[in-house]
Amino acid sequence: MATMTVSLPEPETDWIEAQVRHGDYASASDYVSDLVRRDRERREQELAAEALRAKLAASRQSGVSPRTVDDIFAEARTIVEARGTLNG
């Protein structure tokens, strides 16, 4: 495990130390690790949401399909039957 030295203002260090005292974290390192993990997860979710928004925008720009829902399901059924993966 690597060591990193970080300087923080006193209010932030007081906050971290309070979380450790309350038993929420075993150490300041655990708190910072959890903070980094949560930030990473949040950013990954933001990237996934942005990718989804881009796909949605592209689908809107492509226009309305002339095919009916029944046509689409019929094609899907044909594909599934050809693969031999249809149950029922």
C-alpha atoms as a PDB file:
ATOM      1  CA  MET A   1       0.000   0.000   0.000  1.00  0.00           C
ATOM      2  CA  ALA A   2       1.322   3.436  -0.907  1.00  0.00           C
ATOM      3  CA  THR A   3       1.561   6.315   1.523  1.00  0.00           C
ATOM      4  CA  MET A   4       0.258   9.763   0.627  1.00  0.00           C
ATOM      5  CA  THR A   5       0.607  12.889   2.723  1.00  0.00           C
ATOM      6  CA  VAL A   6      -2.293  15.313   2.451  1.00  0.00           C
ATOM      7  CA  SER A   7      -2.663  18.712   4.091  1.00  0.00           C
ATOM      8  CA  LEU A   8      -6.202  19.724   5.030  1.00  0.00           C
ATOM      9  CA  PRO A   9      -7.660  22.738   6.769  1.00  0.00           C
ATOM     10  CA  GLU A  10      -8.485  22.235  10.431  1.00  0.00           C
ATOM     11  CA  PRO A  11     -12.278  22.015   9.968  1.00  0.00           C
ATOM     12  CA  GLU A  12     -11.825  19.086   7.586  1.00  0.00           C
ATOM     13  CA  THR A  13      -9.378  17.262   9.849  1.00  0.00           C
ATOM     14  CA  ASP A  14     -11.716  17.863  12.811  1.00  0.00           C
ATOM     15  CA  TRP A  15     -14.568  16.336  10.805  1.00  0.00           C
ATOM     16  CA  ILE A  16     -12.541  13.257   9.854  1.00  0.00           C
ATOM     17  CA  GLU A  17     -11.337  12.757  13.408  1.00  0.00           C
ATOM     18  CA  ALA A  18     -14.936  13.034  14.666  1.00  0.00           C
ATOM     19  CA  GLN A  19     -16.030  10.292  12.260  1.00  0.00           C
ATOM     20  CA  VAL A  20     -13.265   8.067  13.602  1.00  0.00           C
ATOM     21  CA  ARG A  21     -14.188   8.864  17.234  1.00  0.00           C
ATOM     22  CA  HIS A  22     -17.848   8.038  16.550  1.00  0.00           C
ATOM     23  CA  GLY A  23     -16.750   4.634  15.332  1.00  0.00           C
ATOM     24  CA  ASP A  24     -17.828   5.187  11.729  1.00  0.00           C
ATOM     25  CA  TYR A  25     -14.261   4.525  10.564  1.00  0.00           C
ATOM     26  CA  ALA A  26     -11.275   2.764  12.090  1.00  0.00           C
ATOM     27  CA  SER A  27      -8.864   5.500  11.022  1.00  0.00           C
ATOM     28  CA  ALA A  28      -8.484   8.665   8.974  1.00  0.00           C
ATOM     29  CA  SER A  29      -7.075   6.482   6.192  1.00  0.00           C
ATOM     30  CA  ASP A  30     -10.260   4.395   6.178  1.00  0.00           C
ATOM     31  CA  TYR A  31     -12.339   7.558   5.953  1.00  0.00           C
ATOM     32  CA  VAL A  32     -10.321   8.915   3.027  1.00  0.00           C
ATOM     33  CA  SER A  33     -10.388   5.533   1.276  1.00  0.00           C
ATOM     34  CA  ASP A  34     -14.180   5.412   1.624  1.00  0.00           C
ATOM     35  CA  LEU A  35     -14.448   8.974   0.341  1.00  0.00           C
ATOM     36  CA  VAL A  36     -12.329   8.128  -2.715  1.00  0.00           C
ATOM     37  CA  ARG A  37     -14.325   4.927  -3.355  1.00  0.00           C
ATOM     38  CA  ARG A  38     -17.635   6.806  -3.189  1.00  0.00           C
ATOM     39  CA  ASP A  39     -16.330   9.558  -5.453  1.00  0.00           C
ATOM     40  CA  ARG A  40     -15.137   6.978  -7.966  1.00  0.00           C
ATOM     41  CA  GLU A  41     -18.542   5.264  -7.943  1.00  0.00           C
ATOM     42  CA  ARG A  42     -20.321   8.617  -8.362  1.00  0.00           C
ATOM     43  CA  ARG A  43     -18.135   9.572 -11.306  1.00  0.00           C
ATOM     44  CA  GLU A  44     -18.641   6.171 -12.946  1.00  0.00           C
ATOM     45  CA  GLN A  45     -22.394   6.622 -12.573  1.00  0.00           C
ATOM     46  CA  GLU A  46     -22.135  10.096 -14.105  1.00  0.00           C
ATOM     47  CA  LEU A  47     -20.207   8.683 -17.067  1.00  0.00           C
ATOM     48  CA  ALA A  48     -22.772   5.913 -17.523  1.00  0.00           C
ATOM     49  CA  ALA A  49     -25.602   8.449 -17.356  1.00  0.00           C
ATOM     50  CA  GLU A  50     -23.856  10.660 -19.905  1.00  0.00           C
ATOM     51  CA  ALA A  51     -23.406   7.688 -22.242  1.00  0.00           C
ATOM     52  CA  LEU A  52     -27.089   6.864 -21.857  1.00  0.00           C
ATOM     53  CA  ARG A  53     -28.043  10.493 -22.582  1.00  0.00           C
ATOM     54  CA  ALA A  54     -25.887  10.396 -25.720  1.00  0.00           C
ATOM     55  CA  LYS A  55     -27.590   7.188 -26.895  1.00  0.00           C
ATOM     56  CA  LEU A  56     -30.988   8.708 -26.203  1.00  0.00           C
ATOM     57  CA  ALA A  57     -30.102  11.850 -28.163  1.00  0.00           C
ATOM     58  CA  ALA A  58     -28.857   9.736 -31.070  1.00  0.00           C
ATOM     59  CA  SER A  59     -32.044   7.691 -31.058  1.00  0.00           C
ATOM     60  CA  ARG A  60     -34.160  10.845 -31.093  1.00  0.00           C
ATOM     61  CA  GLN A  61     -32.161  12.220 -34.020  1.00  0.00           C
ATOM     62  CA  SER A  62     -32.646   9.012 -35.985  1.00  0.00           C
ATOM     63  CA  GLY A  63     -36.365   9.706 -36.271  1.00  0.00           C
ATOM     64  CA  VAL A  64     -39.417   7.519 -35.970  1.00  0.00           C
ATOM     65  CA  SER A  65     -39.285   4.022 -37.407  1.00  0.00           C
ATOM     66  CA  PRO A  66     -41.893   3.121 -40.008  1.00  0.00           C
ATOM     67  CA  ARG A  67     -42.033  -0.377 -38.488  1.00  0.00           C
ATOM     68  CA  THR A  68     -44.803  -1.340 -36.089  1.00  0.00           C
ATOM     69  CA  VAL A  69     -44.229  -2.908 -32.700  1.00  0.00           C
ATOM     70  CA  ASP A  70     -45.653  -6.153 -34.096  1.00  0.00           C
ATOM     71  CA  ASP A  71     -43.095  -6.034 -36.931  1.00  0.00           C
ATOM     72  CA  ILE A  72     -40.255  -5.582 -34.463  1.00  0.00           C
ATOM     73  CA  PHE A  73     -41.436  -8.448 -32.244  1.00  0.00           C
ATOM     74  CA  ALA A  74     -41.909 -10.703 -35.258  1.00  0.00           C
ATOM     75  CA  GLU A  75     -38.336 -10.015 -36.363  1.00  0.00           C
ATOM     76  CA  ALA A  76     -37.052 -10.645 -32.846  1.00  0.00           C
ATOM     77  CA  ARG A  77     -38.953 -13.943 -32.673  1.00  0.00           C
ATOM     78  CA  THR A  78     -37.495 -15.009 -36.032  1.00  0.00           C
ATOM     79  CA  ILE A  79     -33.968 -14.241 -34.799  1.00  0.00           C
ATOM     80  CA  VAL A  80     -34.502 -16.129 -31.545  1.00  0.00           C
ATOM     81  CA  GLU A  81     -36.021 -19.134 -33.336  1.00  0.00           C
ATOM     82  CA  ALA A  82     -33.089 -19.203 -35.764  1.00  0.00           C
ATOM     83  CA  ARG A  83     -30.686 -19.293 -32.814  1.00  0.00           C
ATOM     84  CA  GLY A  84     -32.730 -22.071 -31.226  1.00  0.00           C
ATOM     85  CA  THR A  85     -33.005 -20.207 -27.946  1.00  0.00           C
ATOM     86  CA  LEU A  86     -36.770 -19.691 -27.777  1.00  0.00           C
ATOM     87  CA  ASN A  87     -38.407 -21.279 -24.739  1.00  0.00           C
ATOM     88  CA  GLY A  88     -42.077 -22.006 -25.215  1.00  0.00           C
END
